[in-house]
Amino acid sequence: MRFFDVRSPIFIPLWRRVLVFGLVLGWALLELWRGAPGWALLFGVAALWIGWQFFFDFRLPEDDTDRDR
């Protein structure tokens, strides 16, 4: 299991993906506004990665029922 699995069934509804992306991007902008460019860069890169995973490369979670055979 990965640390942050974007293929989790919890992210199937679009509104949840938009919410998570918006929160991370908003946090990056907040850090930039407060004068912390290091944290802004970290959260900005995370927002870019999440945006790519959620909106351009999103696939439904794999079915794990046949893996035991």
PDB file of N, CA and C in Angstrom:
ATOM      1  N   MET A   1       0.834  -1.178   0.000  1.00  0.00           N
ATOM      2  CA  MET A   1       0.000   0.000   0.000  1.00  0.00           C
ATOM      3  C   MET A   1       0.887   1.253   0.000  1.00  0.00           C
ATOM      4  N   ARG A   2       0.530   2.197  -0.827  1.00  0.00           N
ATOM      5  CA  ARG A   2       1.291   3.434  -0.922  1.00  0.00           C
ATOM      6  C   ARG A   2       0.840   4.424   0.153  1.00  0.00           C
ATOM      7  N   PHE A   3       1.690   5.421   0.399  1.00  0.00           N
ATOM      8  CA  PHE A   3       1.391   6.416   1.437  1.00  0.00           C
ATOM      9  C   PHE A   3       0.131   7.205   1.114  1.00  0.00           C
ATOM     10  N   PHE A   4       0.028   7.703  -0.104  1.00  0.00           N
ATOM     11  CA  PHE A   4      -1.154   8.467  -0.509  1.00  0.00           C
ATOM     12  C   PHE A   4      -1.667   7.856  -1.800  1.00  0.00           C
ATOM     13  N   ASP A   5      -2.650   6.988  -1.684  1.00  0.00           N
ATOM     14  CA  ASP A   5      -3.161   6.248  -2.833  1.00  0.00           C
ATOM     15  C   ASP A   5      -4.278   7.030  -3.505  1.00  0.00           C
ATOM     16  N   VAL A   6      -3.978   7.631  -4.661  1.00  0.00           N
ATOM     17  CA  VAL A   6      -4.993   8.396  -5.378  1.00  0.00           C
ATOM     18  C   VAL A   6      -5.939   7.491  -6.150  1.00  0.00           C
ATOM     19  N   ARG A   7      -5.671   6.211  -6.178  1.00  0.00           N
ATOM     20  CA  ARG A   7      -6.560   5.245  -6.836  1.00  0.00           C
ATOM     21  C   ARG A   7      -7.573   4.643  -5.847  1.00  0.00           C
ATOM     22  N   SER A   8      -7.675   5.216  -4.680  1.00  0.00           N
ATOM     23  CA  SER A   8      -8.589   4.731  -3.657  1.00  0.00           C
ATOM     24  C   SER A   8     -10.038   4.975  -4.079  1.00  0.00           C
ATOM     25  N   PRO A   9     -10.939   4.079  -3.719  1.00  0.00           N
ATOM     26  CA  PRO A   9     -12.352   4.272  -4.062  1.00  0.00           C
ATOM     27  C   PRO A   9     -12.963   5.541  -3.470  1.00  0.00           C
ATOM     28  N   ILE A  10     -12.352   6.100  -2.439  1.00  0.00           N
ATOM     29  CA  ILE A  10     -12.897   7.311  -1.839  1.00  0.00           C
ATOM     30  C   ILE A  10     -12.841   8.497  -2.798  1.00  0.00           C
ATOM     31  N   PHE A  11     -11.943   8.463  -3.786  1.00  0.00           N
ATOM     32  CA  PHE A  11     -11.790   9.571  -4.721  1.00  0.00           C
ATOM     33  C   PHE A  11     -12.578   9.394  -6.019  1.00  0.00           C
ATOM     34  N   ILE A  12     -13.461   8.435  -6.091  1.00  0.00           N
ATOM     35  CA  ILE A  12     -14.254   8.242  -7.307  1.00  0.00           C
ATOM     36  C   ILE A  12     -15.177   9.436  -7.571  1.00  0.00           C
ATOM     37  N   PRO A  13     -15.900   9.958  -6.579  1.00  0.00           N
ATOM     38  CA  PRO A  13     -16.727  11.149  -6.868  1.00  0.00           C
ATOM     39  C   PRO A  13     -15.851  12.360  -7.211  1.00  0.00           C
ATOM     40  N   LEU A  14     -16.230  13.053  -8.257  1.00  0.00           N
ATOM     41  CA  LEU A  14     -15.456  14.194  -8.735  1.00  0.00           C
ATOM     42  C   LEU A  14     -15.338  15.289  -7.683  1.00  0.00           C
ATOM     43  N   TRP A  15     -16.380  15.537  -6.908  1.00  0.00           N
ATOM     44  CA  TRP A  15     -16.348  16.626  -5.939  1.00  0.00           C
ATOM     45  C   TRP A  15     -15.261  16.417  -4.896  1.00  0.00           C
ATOM     46  N   ARG A  16     -14.952  15.177  -4.550  1.00  0.00           N
ATOM     47  CA  ARG A  16     -13.901  14.920  -3.567  1.00  0.00           C
ATOM     48  C   ARG A  16     -12.528  15.219  -4.153  1.00  0.00           C
ATOM     49  N   ARG A  17     -12.328  14.873  -5.422  1.00  0.00           N
ATOM     50  CA  ARG A  17     -11.053  15.169  -6.065  1.00  0.00           C
ATOM     51  C   ARG A  17     -10.857  16.668  -6.206  1.00  0.00           C
ATOM     52  N   VAL A  18     -11.911  17.384  -6.569  1.00  0.00           N
ATOM     53  CA  VAL A  18     -11.826  18.842  -6.697  1.00  0.00           C
ATOM     54  C   VAL A  18     -11.542  19.468  -5.336  1.00  0.00           C
ATOM     55  N   LEU A  19     -12.187  18.971  -4.286  1.00  0.00           N
ATOM     56  CA  LEU A  19     -11.982  19.494  -2.940  1.00  0.00           C
ATOM     57  C   LEU A  19     -10.537  19.313  -2.480  1.00  0.00           C
ATOM     58  N   VAL A  20      -9.988  18.125  -2.640  1.00  0.00           N
ATOM     59  CA  VAL A  20      -8.610  17.869  -2.206  1.00  0.00           C
ATOM     60  C   VAL A  20      -7.630  18.723  -3.003  1.00  0.00           C
ATOM     61  N   PHE A  21      -7.832  18.798  -4.309  1.00  0.00           N
ATOM     62  CA  PHE A  21      -6.958  19.624  -5.140  1.00  0.00           C
ATOM     63  C   PHE A  21      -7.049  21.093  -4.725  1.00  0.00           C
ATOM     64  N   GLY A  22      -8.247  21.578  -4.498  1.00  0.00           N
ATOM     65  CA  GLY A  22      -8.435  22.967  -4.105  1.00  0.00           C
ATOM     66  C   GLY A  22      -7.816  23.284  -2.756  1.00  0.00           C
ATOM     67  N   LEU A  23      -7.921  22.369  -1.817  1.00  0.00           N
ATOM     68  CA  LEU A  23      -7.324  22.585  -0.500  1.00  0.00           C
ATOM     69  C   LEU A  23      -5.803  22.668  -0.577  1.00  0.00           C
ATOM     70  N   VAL A  24      -5.202  21.760  -1.323  1.00  0.00           N
ATOM     71  CA  VAL A  24      -3.740  21.761  -1.418  1.00  0.00           C
ATOM     72  C   VAL A  24      -3.251  22.997  -2.178  1.00  0.00           C
ATOM     73  N   LEU A  25      -3.920  23.344  -3.265  1.00  0.00           N
ATOM     74  CA  LEU A  25      -3.537  24.539  -4.012  1.00  0.00           C
ATOM     75  C   LEU A  25      -3.760  25.803  -3.183  1.00  0.00           C
ATOM     76  N   GLY A  26      -4.857  25.836  -2.454  1.00  0.00           N
ATOM     77  CA  GLY A  26      -5.127  26.979  -1.580  1.00  0.00           C
ATOM     78  C   GLY A  26      -4.087  27.117  -0.493  1.00  0.00           C
ATOM     79  N   TRP A  27      -3.630  26.004   0.042  1.00  0.00           N
ATOM     80  CA  TRP A  27      -2.590  26.056   1.073  1.00  0.00           C
ATOM     81  C   TRP A  27      -1.284  26.582   0.484  1.00  0.00           C
ATOM     82  N   ALA A  28      -0.978  26.187  -0.742  1.00  0.00           N
ATOM     83  CA  ALA A  28       0.223  26.704  -1.395  1.00  0.00           C
ATOM     84  C   ALA A  28       0.127  28.212  -1.577  1.00  0.00           C
ATOM     85  N   LEU A  29      -1.024  28.695  -1.996  1.00  0.00           N
ATOM     86  CA  LEU A  29      -1.201  30.139  -2.175  1.00  0.00           C
ATOM     87  C   LEU A  29      -1.143  30.882  -0.844  1.00  0.00           C
ATOM     88  N   LEU A  30      -1.678  30.283   0.198  1.00  0.00           N
ATOM     89  CA  LEU A  30      -1.608  30.885   1.527  1.00  0.00           C
ATOM     90  C   LEU A  30      -0.167  31.011   2.000  1.00  0.00           C
ATOM     91  N   GLU A  31       0.610  29.956   1.797  1.00  0.00           N
ATOM     92  CA  GLU A  31       2.019  30.004   2.197  1.00  0.00           C
ATOM     93  C   GLU A  31       2.790  31.040   1.384  1.00  0.00           C
ATOM     94  N   LEU A  32       2.475  31.168   0.123  1.00  0.00           N
ATOM     95  CA  LEU A  32       3.121  32.179  -0.705  1.00  0.00           C
ATOM     96  C   LEU A  32       2.759  33.582  -0.212  1.00  0.00           C
ATOM     97  N   TRP A  33       1.502  33.793   0.114  1.00  0.00           N
ATOM     98  CA  TRP A  33       1.031  35.084   0.617  1.00  0.00           C
ATOM     99  C   TRP A  33       1.677  35.442   1.958  1.00  0.00           C
ATOM    100  N   ARG A  34       1.901  34.422   2.794  1.00  0.00           N
ATOM    101  CA  ARG A  34       2.498  34.657   4.108  1.00  0.00           C
ATOM    102  C   ARG A  34       4.017  34.811   4.045  1.00  0.00           C
ATOM    103  N   GLY A  35       4.601  34.625   2.860  1.00  0.00           N
ATOM    104  CA  GLY A  35       6.031  34.835   2.709  1.00  0.00           C
ATOM    105  C   GLY A  35       6.891  33.624   2.989  1.00  0.00           C
ATOM    106  N   ALA A  36       6.358  32.433   2.783  1.00  0.00           N
ATOM    107  CA  ALA A  36       7.122  31.213   2.996  1.00  0.00           C
ATOM    108  C   ALA A  36       7.260  30.486   1.651  1.00  0.00           C
ATOM    109  N   PRO A  37       8.228  30.896   0.835  1.00  0.00           N
ATOM    110  CA  PRO A  37       8.330  30.323  -0.505  1.00  0.00           C
ATOM    111  C   PRO A  37       8.676  28.831  -0.527  1.00  0.00           C
ATOM    112  N   GLY A  38       9.393  28.353   0.461  1.00  0.00           N
ATOM    113  CA  GLY A  38       9.726  26.923   0.514  1.00  0.00           C
ATOM    114  C   GLY A  38       8.487  26.059   0.670  1.00  0.00           C
ATOM    115  N   TRP A  39       7.642  26.430   1.637  1.00  0.00           N
ATOM    116  CA  TRP A  39       6.403  25.685   1.841  1.00  0.00           C
ATOM    117  C   TRP A  39       5.449  25.860   0.667  1.00  0.00           C
ATOM    118  N   ALA A  40       5.439  27.058   0.099  1.00  0.00           N
ATOM    119  CA  ALA A  40       4.587  27.305  -1.068  1.00  0.00           C
ATOM    120  C   ALA A  40       5.007  26.415  -2.230  1.00  0.00           C
ATOM    121  N   LEU A  41       6.312  26.272  -2.429  1.00  0.00           N
ATOM    122  CA  LEU A  41       6.806  25.400  -3.493  1.00  0.00           C
ATOM    123  C   LEU A  41       6.431  23.947  -3.231  1.00  0.00           C
ATOM    124  N   LEU A  42       6.600  23.507  -1.991  1.00  0.00           N
ATOM    125  CA  LEU A  42       6.262  22.128  -1.646  1.00  0.00           C
ATOM    126  C   LEU A  42       4.785  21.832  -1.908  1.00  0.00           C
ATOM    127  N   PHE A  43       3.898  22.681  -1.421  1.00  0.00           N
ATOM    128  CA  PHE A  43       2.476  22.459  -1.623  1.00  0.00           C
ATOM    129  C   PHE A  43       2.053  22.712  -3.065  1.00  0.00           C
ATOM    130  N   GLY A  44       2.746  23.614  -3.754  1.00  0.00           N
ATOM    131  CA  GLY A  44       2.450  23.847  -5.161  1.00  0.00           C
ATOM    132  C   GLY A  44       2.778  22.637  -6.017  1.00  0.00           C
ATOM    133  N   VAL A  45       3.917  22.022  -5.751  1.00  0.00           N
ATOM    134  CA  VAL A  45       4.289  20.804  -6.477  1.00  0.00           C
ATOM    135  C   VAL A  45       3.313  19.674  -6.140  1.00  0.00           C
ATOM    136  N   ALA A  46       2.926  19.577  -4.880  1.00  0.00           N
ATOM    137  CA  ALA A  46       1.939  18.560  -4.497  1.00  0.00           C
ATOM    138  C   ALA A  46       0.609  18.793  -5.211  1.00  0.00           C
ATOM    139  N   ALA A  47       0.203  20.042  -5.343  1.00  0.00           N
ATOM    140  CA  ALA A  47      -1.045  20.355  -6.048  1.00  0.00           C
ATOM    141  C   ALA A  47      -0.945  19.987  -7.525  1.00  0.00           C
ATOM    142  N   LEU A  48       0.197  20.257  -8.133  1.00  0.00           N
ATOM    143  CA  LEU A  48       0.383  19.864  -9.534  1.00  0.00           C
ATOM    144  C   LEU A  48       0.301  18.350  -9.709  1.00  0.00           C
ATOM    145  N   TRP A  49       0.950  17.608  -8.809  1.00  0.00           N
ATOM    146  CA  TRP A  49       0.930  16.150  -8.886  1.00  0.00           C
ATOM    147  C   TRP A  49      -0.489  15.620  -8.676  1.00  0.00           C
ATOM    148  N   ILE A  50      -1.183  16.153  -7.675  1.00  0.00           N
ATOM    149  CA  ILE A  50      -2.553  15.716  -7.403  1.00  0.00           C
ATOM    150  C   ILE A  50      -3.464  16.065  -8.571  1.00  0.00           C
ATOM    151  N   GLY A  51      -3.303  17.258  -9.121  1.00  0.00           N
ATOM    152  CA  GLY A  51      -4.104  17.650 -10.279  1.00  0.00           C
ATOM    153  C   GLY A  51      -3.897  16.718 -11.461  1.00  0.00           C
ATOM    154  N   TRP A  52      -2.641  16.368 -11.712  1.00  0.00           N
ATOM    155  CA  TRP A  52      -2.353  15.442 -12.813  1.00  0.00           C
ATOM    156  C   TRP A  52      -2.993  14.073 -12.549  1.00  0.00           C
ATOM    157  N   GLN A  53      -2.804  13.568 -11.339  1.00  0.00           N
ATOM    158  CA  GLN A  53      -3.335  12.242 -11.004  1.00  0.00           C
ATOM    159  C   GLN A  53      -4.862  12.205 -11.007  1.00  0.00           C
ATOM    160  N   PHE A  54      -5.502  13.257 -10.511  1.00  0.00           N
ATOM    161  CA  PHE A  54      -6.957  13.260 -10.378  1.00  0.00           C
ATOM    162  C   PHE A  54      -7.693  13.603 -11.668  1.00  0.00           C
ATOM    163  N   PHE A  55      -7.127  14.431 -12.513  1.00  0.00           N
ATOM    164  CA  PHE A  55      -7.896  14.939 -13.650  1.00  0.00           C
ATOM    165  C   PHE A  55      -7.382  14.496 -15.014  1.00  0.00           C
ATOM    166  N   PHE A  56      -6.124  14.090 -15.116  1.00  0.00           N
ATOM    167  CA  PHE A  56      -5.591  13.688 -16.414  1.00  0.00           C
ATOM    168  C   PHE A  56      -5.259  12.210 -16.481  1.00  0.00           C
ATOM    169  N   ASP A  57      -4.900  11.608 -15.357  1.00  0.00           N
ATOM    170  CA  ASP A  57      -4.477  10.212 -15.349  1.00  0.00           C
ATOM    171  C   ASP A  57      -5.338   9.363 -14.417  1.00  0.00           C
ATOM    172  N   PHE A  58      -6.552   9.803 -14.123  1.00  0.00           N
ATOM    173  CA  PHE A  58      -7.382   9.091 -13.152  1.00  0.00           C
ATOM    174  C   PHE A  58      -7.965   7.831 -13.775  1.00  0.00           C
ATOM    175  N   ARG A  59      -7.810   6.734 -13.061  1.00  0.00           N
ATOM    176  CA  ARG A  59      -8.413   5.459 -13.441  1.00  0.00           C
ATOM    177  C   ARG A  59      -9.132   4.906 -12.224  1.00  0.00           C
ATOM    178  N   LEU A  60     -10.175   4.180 -12.459  1.00  0.00           N
ATOM    179  CA  LEU A  60     -10.889   3.569 -11.347  1.00  0.00           C
ATOM    180  C   LEU A  60      -9.999   2.561 -10.648  1.00  0.00           C
ATOM    181  N   PRO A  61     -10.183   2.355  -9.344  1.00  0.00           N
ATOM    182  CA  PRO A  61      -9.364   1.387  -8.617  1.00  0.00           C
ATOM    183  C   PRO A  61      -9.507  -0.009  -9.221  1.00  0.00           C
ATOM    184  N   GLU A  62      -8.411  -0.747  -9.181  1.00  0.00           N
ATOM    185  CA  GLU A  62      -8.434  -2.105  -9.707  1.00  0.00           C
ATOM    186  C   GLU A  62      -9.243  -3.009  -8.798  1.00  0.00           C
ATOM    187  N   ASP A  63      -9.848  -4.021  -9.407  1.00  0.00           N
ATOM    188  CA  ASP A  63     -10.603  -5.005  -8.650  1.00  0.00           C
ATOM    189  C   ASP A  63      -9.629  -5.983  -8.022  1.00  0.00           C
ATOM    190  N   ASP A  64      -9.626  -6.095  -6.693  1.00  0.00           N
ATOM    191  CA  ASP A  64      -8.685  -6.966  -5.984  1.00  0.00           C
ATOM    192  C   ASP A  64      -9.209  -8.371  -5.743  1.00  0.00           C
ATOM    193  N   THR A  65     -10.352  -8.742  -6.280  1.00  0.00           N
ATOM    194  CA  THR A  65     -10.939 -10.038  -5.958  1.00  0.00           C
ATOM    195  C   THR A  65     -10.198 -11.187  -6.607  1.00  0.00           C
ATOM    196  N   ASP A  66      -9.547 -10.981  -7.749  1.00  0.00           N
ATOM    197  CA  ASP A  66      -8.871 -12.088  -8.447  1.00  0.00           C
ATOM    198  C   ASP A  66      -7.394 -12.181  -8.128  1.00  0.00           C
ATOM    199  N   ARG A  67      -6.863 -11.356  -7.277  1.00  0.00           N
ATOM    200  CA  ARG A  67      -5.439 -11.371  -6.978  1.00  0.00           C
ATOM    201  C   ARG A  67      -5.020 -12.567  -6.134  1.00  0.00           C
ATOM    202  N   ASP A  68      -5.911 -13.152  -5.364  1.00  0.00           N
ATOM    203  CA  ASP A  68      -5.555 -14.259  -4.480  1.00  0.00           C
ATOM    204  C   ASP A  68      -5.398 -15.558  -5.240  1.00  0.00           C
ATOM    205  N   ARG A  69      -5.847 -15.634  -6.436  1.00  0.00           N
ATOM    206  CA  ARG A  69      -5.779 -16.895  -7.179  1.00  0.00           C
ATOM    207  C   ARG A  69      -4.497 -17.042  -7.921  1.00  0.00           C
TER     208      ARG A  69
END
